[in-house]
Amino acid sequence: MHLALHRLLEAPEIAGQHDMWSAAPRRLAARHGLAHGRAGGAHCVAAAGLPGVRLLNHALGDIADPAGVERFFARRGLPALVAVPEGSAGERAVAARGYERDHAWMKFVRDPRAPVPAPEAPGLAIRPVEGRDAHRMGELLAASFGLPEDLGAWFAPLAGRRGWHCLGAYDGGRLVAIGSLYARGPGAWATMAATDPAYRGRGGQGALLAARILIARRLGLRHVVVETGEPVSGTPGPSWRNILRAGFLPVFLRPFWRSVQA
């Protein structure tokens, strides 16, 4: 893929991550070692207290200087985990430094102006997350990602934060699933999705994804991006299937490479 197009499609996610890390409460940032910033040409995020959580520990973007990325993570006692364009100079550079290939994510894109399917979610109503449910939204996300409960207080304020559109699937008055959209420039990033285990398989995530596409359309955006892990043993997971059903197209595989600490 042409590097300029790669940058365009990665930009909403990088901007959304930057904004989300900027919103982290200081007490939680101190407790879990949350940090983010530019290093080696990439956007880096880290949670030193949660070293095994890939979602919170990686570098994304053009890796112009792998050593600079390594220093960012080494200061926090972490190995560098970088996502680079497949076949890029950055990928060749980290491979030459002895990095090991890790599990990859697939990037998907969709034009929000194209027809949007109307998935069925019987008994569930899709609407913006209400202020009183922000705490519940944070709980769902922390549990879904296997994170400490207190990190729910980091995600909860995203409901109502500028640039963020947080939608919920409601069973009556109970919030049972959520999905968020971060809009920046010509594109948007569909992210931060979670479902109460008791409500999985009810169509909530498909409906939330369709609703976020319609928001992007109303905002006049040109593209929506989303990502999920590549299939394990060749079998796509539910997130992958939901994304395809919503009309997204896979555009590039985003391999991760992990440094080997001495």
C-alpha atoms as a PDB file:
ATOM      1  CA  MET A   1       0.000   0.000   0.000  1.00  0.00           C
ATOM      2  CA  HIS A   2       1.179   3.526  -0.772  1.00  0.00           C
ATOM      3  CA  LEU A   3       2.563   5.076   2.419  1.00  0.00           C
ATOM      4  CA  ALA A   4       0.500   8.263   2.022  1.00  0.00           C
ATOM      5  CA  LEU A   5      -2.738   6.254   2.011  1.00  0.00           C
ATOM      6  CA  HIS A   6      -1.533   4.249   4.983  1.00  0.00           C
ATOM      7  CA  ARG A   7      -0.910   7.475   6.910  1.00  0.00           C
ATOM      8  CA  LEU A   8      -4.349   8.806   5.970  1.00  0.00           C
ATOM      9  CA  LEU A   9      -6.109   5.706   7.275  1.00  0.00           C
ATOM     10  CA  GLU A  10      -4.060   5.488  10.453  1.00  0.00           C
ATOM     11  CA  ALA A  11      -4.520   9.181  11.307  1.00  0.00           C
ATOM     12  CA  PRO A  12      -7.961   8.930  13.012  1.00  0.00           C
ATOM     13  CA  GLU A  13      -6.771   6.134  15.303  1.00  0.00           C
ATOM     14  CA  ILE A  14      -3.548   7.928  16.225  1.00  0.00           C
ATOM     15  CA  ALA A  15      -5.482  11.136  16.952  1.00  0.00           C
ATOM     16  CA  GLY A  16      -8.060   9.220  18.990  1.00  0.00           C
ATOM     17  CA  GLN A  17      -5.397   7.473  21.035  1.00  0.00           C
ATOM     18  CA  HIS A  18      -3.644  10.764  21.700  1.00  0.00           C
ATOM     19  CA  ASP A  19      -6.890  12.330  22.891  1.00  0.00           C
ATOM     20  CA  MET A  20      -7.820   9.350  25.063  1.00  0.00           C
ATOM     21  CA  TRP A  21      -4.422   9.244  26.768  1.00  0.00           C
ATOM     22  CA  SER A  22      -4.604  13.009  27.309  1.00  0.00           C
ATOM     23  CA  ALA A  23      -7.897  12.449  29.153  1.00  0.00           C
ATOM     24  CA  ALA A  24      -6.469   9.923  31.636  1.00  0.00           C
ATOM     25  CA  PRO A  25      -6.998  11.091  35.241  1.00  0.00           C
ATOM     26  CA  ARG A  26      -3.686  11.846  36.928  1.00  0.00           C
ATOM     27  CA  ARG A  27      -4.240   9.411  39.782  1.00  0.00           C
ATOM     28  CA  LEU A  28      -4.833   6.552  37.346  1.00  0.00           C
ATOM     29  CA  ALA A  29      -1.902   7.570  35.167  1.00  0.00           C
ATOM     30  CA  ALA A  30       0.352   7.478  38.236  1.00  0.00           C
ATOM     31  CA  ARG A  31      -1.084   4.199  39.544  1.00  0.00           C
ATOM     32  CA  HIS A  32      -0.748   2.293  36.270  1.00  0.00           C
ATOM     33  CA  GLY A  33       2.199   4.116  34.701  1.00  0.00           C
ATOM     34  CA  LEU A  34       0.190   5.515  31.793  1.00  0.00           C
ATOM     35  CA  ALA A  35       2.233   7.557  29.343  1.00  0.00           C
ATOM     36  CA  HIS A  36       2.097   8.576  25.705  1.00  0.00           C
ATOM     37  CA  GLY A  37       4.042  10.690  23.265  1.00  0.00           C
ATOM     38  CA  ARG A  38       5.953  10.886  20.000  1.00  0.00           C
ATOM     39  CA  ALA A  39       9.188   8.943  19.799  1.00  0.00           C
ATOM     40  CA  GLY A  40      11.198   7.743  16.838  1.00  0.00           C
ATOM     41  CA  GLY A  41       8.562   9.109  14.451  1.00  0.00           C
ATOM     42  CA  ALA A  42       5.756   7.043  16.012  1.00  0.00           C
ATOM     43  CA  HIS A  43       2.920   7.611  18.459  1.00  0.00           C
ATOM     44  CA  CYS A  44       3.749   5.561  21.547  1.00  0.00           C
ATOM     45  CA  VAL A  45       1.483   4.551  24.415  1.00  0.00           C
ATOM     46  CA  ALA A  46       2.454   2.659  27.541  1.00  0.00           C
ATOM     47  CA  ALA A  47       0.995   1.310  30.760  1.00  0.00           C
ATOM     48  CA  ALA A  48       4.038   0.223  32.732  1.00  0.00           C
ATOM     49  CA  GLY A  49       1.847  -1.325  35.417  1.00  0.00           C
ATOM     50  CA  LEU A  50       0.096  -3.510  32.836  1.00  0.00           C
ATOM     51  CA  PRO A  51       2.980  -4.741  30.671  1.00  0.00           C
ATOM     52  CA  GLY A  52       1.091  -7.632  29.094  1.00  0.00           C
ATOM     53  CA  VAL A  53      -1.764  -5.550  27.677  1.00  0.00           C
ATOM     54  CA  ARG A  54      -1.027  -4.889  24.004  1.00  0.00           C
ATOM     55  CA  LEU A  55      -3.905  -2.402  23.745  1.00  0.00           C
ATOM     56  CA  LEU A  56      -2.078  -0.114  26.175  1.00  0.00           C
ATOM     57  CA  ASN A  57       1.534  -0.772  25.177  1.00  0.00           C
ATOM     58  CA  HIS A  58       2.534  -0.182  21.566  1.00  0.00           C
ATOM     59  CA  ALA A  59       3.857   2.243  18.987  1.00  0.00           C
ATOM     60  CA  LEU A  60       1.893   3.147  15.890  1.00  0.00           C
ATOM     61  CA  GLY A  61       2.786   5.055  12.759  1.00  0.00           C
ATOM     62  CA  ASP A  62       5.942   5.675  10.751  1.00  0.00           C
ATOM     63  CA  ILE A  63       8.914   4.202  12.597  1.00  0.00           C
ATOM     64  CA  ALA A  64      11.727   6.450  11.418  1.00  0.00           C
ATOM     65  CA  ASP A  65      14.026   5.691  14.362  1.00  0.00           C
ATOM     66  CA  PRO A  66      13.497   2.330  16.121  1.00  0.00           C
ATOM     67  CA  ALA A  67      16.106   3.257  18.735  1.00  0.00           C
ATOM     68  CA  GLY A  68      14.008   6.275  19.740  1.00  0.00           C
ATOM     69  CA  VAL A  69      10.950   4.069  20.172  1.00  0.00           C
ATOM     70  CA  GLU A  70      12.997   1.619  22.225  1.00  0.00           C
ATOM     71  CA  ARG A  71      14.140   4.389  24.549  1.00  0.00           C
ATOM     72  CA  PHE A  72      10.530   5.450  25.178  1.00  0.00           C
ATOM     73  CA  PHE A  73       9.603   1.948  26.314  1.00  0.00           C
ATOM     74  CA  ALA A  74      12.902   1.159  28.062  1.00  0.00           C
ATOM     75  CA  ARG A  75      12.389   4.158  30.369  1.00  0.00           C
ATOM     76  CA  ARG A  76       9.274   2.342  31.538  1.00  0.00           C
ATOM     77  CA  GLY A  77      10.841  -1.096  31.771  1.00  0.00           C
ATOM     78  CA  LEU A  78       9.003  -2.400  28.723  1.00  0.00           C
ATOM     79  CA  PRO A  79       9.973  -4.041  25.437  1.00  0.00           C
ATOM     80  CA  ALA A  80       9.034  -2.093  22.322  1.00  0.00           C
ATOM     81  CA  LEU A  81       5.986  -3.351  20.440  1.00  0.00           C
ATOM     82  CA  VAL A  82       5.580  -1.553  17.140  1.00  0.00           C
ATOM     83  CA  ALA A  83       2.956  -1.661  14.411  1.00  0.00           C
ATOM     84  CA  VAL A  84       4.476  -0.807  11.057  1.00  0.00           C
ATOM     85  CA  PRO A  85       3.265  -0.835   7.454  1.00  0.00           C
ATOM     86  CA  GLU A  86       3.867  -4.243   5.935  1.00  0.00           C
ATOM     87  CA  GLY A  87       6.838  -4.160   3.587  1.00  0.00           C
ATOM     88  CA  SER A  88       7.871  -0.658   4.717  1.00  0.00           C
ATOM     89  CA  ALA A  89      11.319   0.642   5.551  1.00  0.00           C
ATOM     90  CA  GLY A  90      10.220   0.704   9.185  1.00  0.00           C
ATOM     91  CA  GLU A  91       9.410  -2.999   9.102  1.00  0.00           C
ATOM     92  CA  ARG A  92      12.786  -3.779   7.542  1.00  0.00           C
ATOM     93  CA  ALA A  93      14.508  -1.666  10.183  1.00  0.00           C
ATOM     94  CA  VAL A  94      12.937  -3.420  13.174  1.00  0.00           C
ATOM     95  CA  ALA A  95      13.482  -6.840  11.612  1.00  0.00           C
ATOM     96  CA  ALA A  96      17.154  -5.975  11.173  1.00  0.00           C
ATOM     97  CA  ARG A  97      17.339  -5.085  14.876  1.00  0.00           C
ATOM     98  CA  GLY A  98      16.229  -8.581  15.829  1.00  0.00           C
ATOM     99  CA  TYR A  99      12.569  -7.868  16.545  1.00  0.00           C
ATOM    100  CA  GLU A 100      10.227 -10.854  16.485  1.00  0.00           C
ATOM    101  CA  ARG A 101       7.009 -10.858  14.457  1.00  0.00           C
ATOM    102  CA  ASP A 102       3.926 -10.750  16.686  1.00  0.00           C
ATOM    103  CA  HIS A 103       0.217 -11.160  16.050  1.00  0.00           C
ATOM    104  CA  ALA A 104      -1.120  -8.734  13.407  1.00  0.00           C
ATOM    105  CA  TRP A 105      -4.247  -6.608  13.209  1.00  0.00           C
ATOM    106  CA  MET A 106      -6.252  -5.999  10.071  1.00  0.00           C
ATOM    107  CA  LYS A 107      -7.267  -2.456   9.186  1.00  0.00           C
ATOM    108  CA  PHE A 108     -10.687  -1.973   7.594  1.00  0.00           C
ATOM    109  CA  VAL A 109     -12.172   1.087   5.913  1.00  0.00           C
ATOM    110  CA  ARG A 110     -15.641   2.113   4.815  1.00  0.00           C
ATOM    111  CA  ASP A 111     -17.183   5.033   2.963  1.00  0.00           C
ATOM    112  CA  PRO A 112     -20.001   6.250   5.248  1.00  0.00           C
ATOM    113  CA  ARG A 113     -21.898   7.556   2.215  1.00  0.00           C
ATOM    114  CA  ALA A 114     -22.481   4.006   0.949  1.00  0.00           C
ATOM    115  CA  PRO A 115     -25.723   2.243   1.959  1.00  0.00           C
ATOM    116  CA  VAL A 116     -25.735   1.091   5.573  1.00  0.00           C
ATOM    117  CA  PRO A 117     -27.325  -2.260   6.471  1.00  0.00           C
ATOM    118  CA  ALA A 118     -29.998  -2.301   9.140  1.00  0.00           C
ATOM    119  CA  PRO A 119     -28.925  -5.128  11.447  1.00  0.00           C
ATOM    120  CA  GLU A 120     -31.483  -6.590  13.812  1.00  0.00           C
ATOM    121  CA  ALA A 121     -30.998  -6.270  17.559  1.00  0.00           C
ATOM    122  CA  PRO A 122     -34.299  -7.490  19.031  1.00  0.00           C
ATOM    123  CA  GLY A 123     -35.216  -5.813  22.294  1.00  0.00           C
ATOM    124  CA  LEU A 124     -32.309  -3.369  22.222  1.00  0.00           C
ATOM    125  CA  ALA A 125     -32.508   0.375  21.613  1.00  0.00           C
ATOM    126  CA  ILE A 126     -29.486   2.257  20.239  1.00  0.00           C
ATOM    127  CA  ARG A 127     -28.930   5.775  21.539  1.00  0.00           C
ATOM    128  CA  PRO A 128     -26.152   8.022  22.876  1.00  0.00           C
ATOM    129  CA  VAL A 129     -24.784   6.968  26.243  1.00  0.00           C
ATOM    130  CA  GLU A 130     -26.494   9.048  28.884  1.00  0.00           C
ATOM    131  CA  GLY A 131     -24.446  10.913  31.458  1.00  0.00           C
ATOM    132  CA  ARG A 132     -25.751   8.772  34.275  1.00  0.00           C
ATOM    133  CA  ASP A 133     -24.483   5.688  32.415  1.00  0.00           C
ATOM    134  CA  ALA A 134     -20.923   6.889  31.822  1.00  0.00           C
ATOM    135  CA  HIS A 135     -19.691   4.890  34.824  1.00  0.00           C
ATOM    136  CA  ARG A 136     -21.430   1.774  33.522  1.00  0.00           C
ATOM    137  CA  MET A 137     -19.796   2.349  30.117  1.00  0.00           C
ATOM    138  CA  GLY A 138     -16.389   2.443  31.781  1.00  0.00           C
ATOM    139  CA  GLU A 139     -17.164  -0.764  33.668  1.00  0.00           C
ATOM    140  CA  LEU A 140     -18.125  -2.579  30.462  1.00  0.00           C
ATOM    141  CA  LEU A 141     -14.956  -1.494  28.677  1.00  0.00           C
ATOM    142  CA  ALA A 142     -12.601  -2.375  31.529  1.00  0.00           C
ATOM    143  CA  ALA A 143     -14.192  -5.801  31.918  1.00  0.00           C
ATOM    144  CA  SER A 144     -14.211  -6.493  28.179  1.00  0.00           C
ATOM    145  CA  PHE A 145     -10.501  -5.679  27.823  1.00  0.00           C
ATOM    146  CA  GLY A 146      -9.547  -7.595  30.973  1.00  0.00           C
ATOM    147  CA  LEU A 147      -8.336  -4.425  32.695  1.00  0.00           C
ATOM    148  CA  PRO A 148      -8.444  -3.443  36.383  1.00  0.00           C
ATOM    149  CA  GLU A 149     -11.852  -2.129  37.397  1.00  0.00           C
ATOM    150  CA  ASP A 150     -10.542   1.295  38.346  1.00  0.00           C
ATOM    151  CA  LEU A 151      -9.601   2.014  34.725  1.00  0.00           C
ATOM    152  CA  GLY A 152     -13.313   2.325  34.010  1.00  0.00           C
ATOM    153  CA  ALA A 153     -12.926   5.841  35.421  1.00  0.00           C
ATOM    154  CA  TRP A 154     -10.558   6.613  32.541  1.00  0.00           C
ATOM    155  CA  PHE A 155     -12.999   5.558  29.824  1.00  0.00           C
ATOM    156  CA  ALA A 156     -16.212   6.931  31.373  1.00  0.00           C
ATOM    157  CA  PRO A 157     -15.485  10.630  30.606  1.00  0.00           C
ATOM    158  CA  LEU A 158     -15.219   9.866  26.891  1.00  0.00           C
ATOM    159  CA  ALA A 159     -19.019  10.011  26.850  1.00  0.00           C
ATOM    160  CA  GLY A 160     -19.577  13.686  26.121  1.00  0.00           C
ATOM    161  CA  ARG A 161     -15.929  14.526  25.428  1.00  0.00           C
ATOM    162  CA  ARG A 162     -15.353  16.676  22.360  1.00  0.00           C
ATOM    163  CA  GLY A 163     -14.754  14.601  19.244  1.00  0.00           C
ATOM    164  CA  TRP A 164     -16.173  11.426  20.780  1.00  0.00           C
ATOM    165  CA  HIS A 165     -19.542   9.871  19.989  1.00  0.00           C
ATOM    166  CA  CYS A 166     -20.367   7.100  22.455  1.00  0.00           C
ATOM    167  CA  LEU A 167     -23.432   5.038  21.671  1.00  0.00           C
ATOM    168  CA  GLY A 168     -25.120   2.417  23.812  1.00  0.00           C
ATOM    169  CA  ALA A 169     -27.410  -0.535  23.295  1.00  0.00           C
ATOM    170  CA  TYR A 170     -30.098  -0.402  25.969  1.00  0.00           C
ATOM    171  CA  ASP A 171     -32.363  -3.115  27.280  1.00  0.00           C
ATOM    172  CA  GLY A 172     -35.018  -0.877  28.721  1.00  0.00           C
ATOM    173  CA  GLY A 173     -33.045   1.485  30.915  1.00  0.00           C
ATOM    174  CA  ARG A 174     -30.007  -0.772  31.270  1.00  0.00           C
ATOM    175  CA  LEU A 175     -26.876  -0.142  29.218  1.00  0.00           C
ATOM    176  CA  VAL A 176     -25.710  -3.540  27.940  1.00  0.00           C
ATOM    177  CA  ALA A 177     -23.299  -2.725  25.094  1.00  0.00           C
ATOM    178  CA  ILE A 178     -21.342   0.277  23.882  1.00  0.00           C
ATOM    179  CA  GLY A 179     -19.463   1.416  20.796  1.00  0.00           C
ATOM    180  CA  SER A 180     -17.585   4.679  20.250  1.00  0.00           C
ATOM    181  CA  LEU A 181     -16.522   6.834  17.321  1.00  0.00           C
ATOM    182  CA  TYR A 182     -13.741   9.393  17.352  1.00  0.00           C
ATOM    183  CA  ALA A 183     -13.998  11.940  14.524  1.00  0.00           C
ATOM    184  CA  ARG A 184     -11.000  13.945  13.371  1.00  0.00           C
ATOM    185  CA  GLY A 185     -10.342  15.616  10.014  1.00  0.00           C
ATOM    186  CA  PRO A 186     -11.837  13.746   7.055  1.00  0.00           C
ATOM    187  CA  GLY A 187     -12.049  10.422   8.879  1.00  0.00           C
ATOM    188  CA  ALA A 188     -13.286   8.684  11.996  1.00  0.00           C
ATOM    189  CA  TRP A 189     -12.139   5.762  14.124  1.00  0.00           C
ATOM    190  CA  ALA A 190     -14.693   3.195  15.306  1.00  0.00           C
ATOM    191  CA  THR A 191     -13.374   1.887  18.611  1.00  0.00           C
ATOM    192  CA  MET A 192     -13.997   1.189  22.309  1.00  0.00           C
ATOM    193  CA  ALA A 193     -16.697  -1.439  21.914  1.00  0.00           C
ATOM    194  CA  ALA A 194     -17.864  -3.841  24.606  1.00  0.00           C
ATOM    195  CA  THR A 195     -20.888  -5.998  25.414  1.00  0.00           C
ATOM    196  CA  ASP A 196     -22.212  -7.427  28.670  1.00  0.00           C
ATOM    197  CA  PRO A 197     -21.553 -11.197  28.333  1.00  0.00           C
ATOM    198  CA  ALA A 198     -25.216 -11.927  29.049  1.00  0.00           C
ATOM    199  CA  TYR A 199     -26.168  -9.983  25.898  1.00  0.00           C
ATOM    200  CA  ARG A 200     -23.682 -11.351  23.389  1.00  0.00           C
ATOM    201  CA  GLY A 201     -25.168 -12.735  20.204  1.00  0.00           C
ATOM    202  CA  ARG A 202     -28.129 -10.334  20.335  1.00  0.00           C
ATOM    203  CA  GLY A 203     -26.949  -8.115  17.468  1.00  0.00           C
ATOM    204  CA  GLY A 204     -25.988  -5.169  19.656  1.00  0.00           C
ATOM    205  CA  GLN A 205     -22.531  -4.616  18.202  1.00  0.00           C
ATOM    206  CA  GLY A 206     -23.768  -4.827  14.613  1.00  0.00           C
ATOM    207  CA  ALA A 207     -26.414  -2.215  15.369  1.00  0.00           C
ATOM    208  CA  LEU A 208     -23.904   0.018  17.162  1.00  0.00           C
ATOM    209  CA  LEU A 209     -21.492  -0.184  14.241  1.00  0.00           C
ATOM    210  CA  ALA A 210     -24.222   0.774  11.768  1.00  0.00           C
ATOM    211  CA  ALA A 211     -25.253   3.700  13.962  1.00  0.00           C
ATOM    212  CA  ARG A 212     -21.675   4.991  14.122  1.00  0.00           C
ATOM    213  CA  ILE A 213     -21.385   4.850  10.337  1.00  0.00           C
ATOM    214  CA  LEU A 214     -24.500   7.011  10.091  1.00  0.00           C
ATOM    215  CA  ILE A 215     -22.968   9.535  12.495  1.00  0.00           C
ATOM    216  CA  ALA A 216     -19.899   9.742  10.252  1.00  0.00           C
ATOM    217  CA  ARG A 217     -22.219  10.331   7.295  1.00  0.00           C
ATOM    218  CA  ARG A 218     -24.033  13.156   9.091  1.00  0.00           C
ATOM    219  CA  LEU A 219     -20.682  14.726   9.914  1.00  0.00           C
ATOM    220  CA  GLY A 220     -19.755  14.667   6.220  1.00  0.00           C
ATOM    221  CA  LEU A 221     -16.713  12.440   6.748  1.00  0.00           C
ATOM    222  CA  ARG A 222     -15.031  10.568   3.913  1.00  0.00           C
ATOM    223  CA  HIS A 223     -14.053   7.364   5.657  1.00  0.00           C
ATOM    224  CA  VAL A 224     -14.439   5.332   8.827  1.00  0.00           C
ATOM    225  CA  VAL A 225     -11.691   2.967   9.951  1.00  0.00           C
ATOM    226  CA  VAL A 226     -11.679   0.095  12.404  1.00  0.00           C
ATOM    227  CA  GLU A 227      -9.271  -2.705  13.224  1.00  0.00           C
ATOM    228  CA  THR A 228      -9.304  -6.146  14.780  1.00  0.00           C
ATOM    229  CA  GLY A 229      -6.921  -9.046  15.213  1.00  0.00           C
ATOM    230  CA  GLU A 230      -6.139 -11.297  12.273  1.00  0.00           C
ATOM    231  CA  PRO A 231      -7.956 -14.644  12.363  1.00  0.00           C
ATOM    232  CA  VAL A 232      -6.441 -17.317  14.569  1.00  0.00           C
ATOM    233  CA  SER A 233      -6.100 -20.672  12.789  1.00  0.00           C
ATOM    234  CA  GLY A 234      -7.855 -19.099   9.805  1.00  0.00           C
ATOM    235  CA  THR A 235     -11.148 -18.608  11.662  1.00  0.00           C
ATOM    236  CA  PRO A 236     -12.471 -15.011  11.817  1.00  0.00           C
ATOM    237  CA  GLY A 237     -13.794 -13.946  15.208  1.00  0.00           C
ATOM    238  CA  PRO A 238     -17.126 -12.223  15.890  1.00  0.00           C
ATOM    239  CA  SER A 239     -15.606  -8.734  15.619  1.00  0.00           C
ATOM    240  CA  TRP A 240     -14.209  -9.531  12.169  1.00  0.00           C
ATOM    241  CA  ARG A 241     -17.577 -10.876  11.011  1.00  0.00           C
ATOM    242  CA  ASN A 242     -19.476  -7.862  12.369  1.00  0.00           C
ATOM    243  CA  ILE A 243     -17.098  -5.505  10.571  1.00  0.00           C
ATOM    244  CA  LEU A 244     -17.567  -7.248   7.231  1.00  0.00           C
ATOM    245  CA  ARG A 245     -21.358  -7.358   7.637  1.00  0.00           C
ATOM    246  CA  ALA A 246     -21.307  -3.584   8.199  1.00  0.00           C
ATOM    247  CA  GLY A 247     -19.753  -3.088   4.759  1.00  0.00           C
ATOM    248  CA  PHE A 248     -16.124  -2.483   5.733  1.00  0.00           C
ATOM    249  CA  LEU A 249     -13.348  -3.669   3.457  1.00  0.00           C
ATOM    250  CA  PRO A 250      -9.980  -4.990   4.653  1.00  0.00           C
ATOM    251  CA  VAL A 251      -7.268  -2.696   3.325  1.00  0.00           C
ATOM    252  CA  PHE A 252      -4.006  -3.710   4.955  1.00  0.00           C
ATOM    253  CA  LEU A 253      -2.564  -6.026   7.527  1.00  0.00           C
ATOM    254  CA  ARG A 254      -0.776  -4.209  10.323  1.00  0.00           C
ATOM    255  CA  PRO A 255       1.959  -6.502  11.628  1.00  0.00           C
ATOM    256  CA  PHE A 256       3.313  -6.003  15.112  1.00  0.00           C
ATOM    257  CA  TRP A 257       6.978  -6.530  15.881  1.00  0.00           C
ATOM    258  CA  ARG A 258       8.289  -6.979  19.408  1.00  0.00           C
ATOM    259  CA  SER A 259      11.815  -6.182  20.577  1.00  0.00           C
ATOM    260  CA  VAL A 260      13.616  -8.827  22.579  1.00  0.00           C
ATOM    261  CA  GLN A 261      14.862  -7.330  25.830  1.00  0.00           C
ATOM    262  CA  ALA A 262      18.195  -8.518  27.100  1.00  0.00           C
END
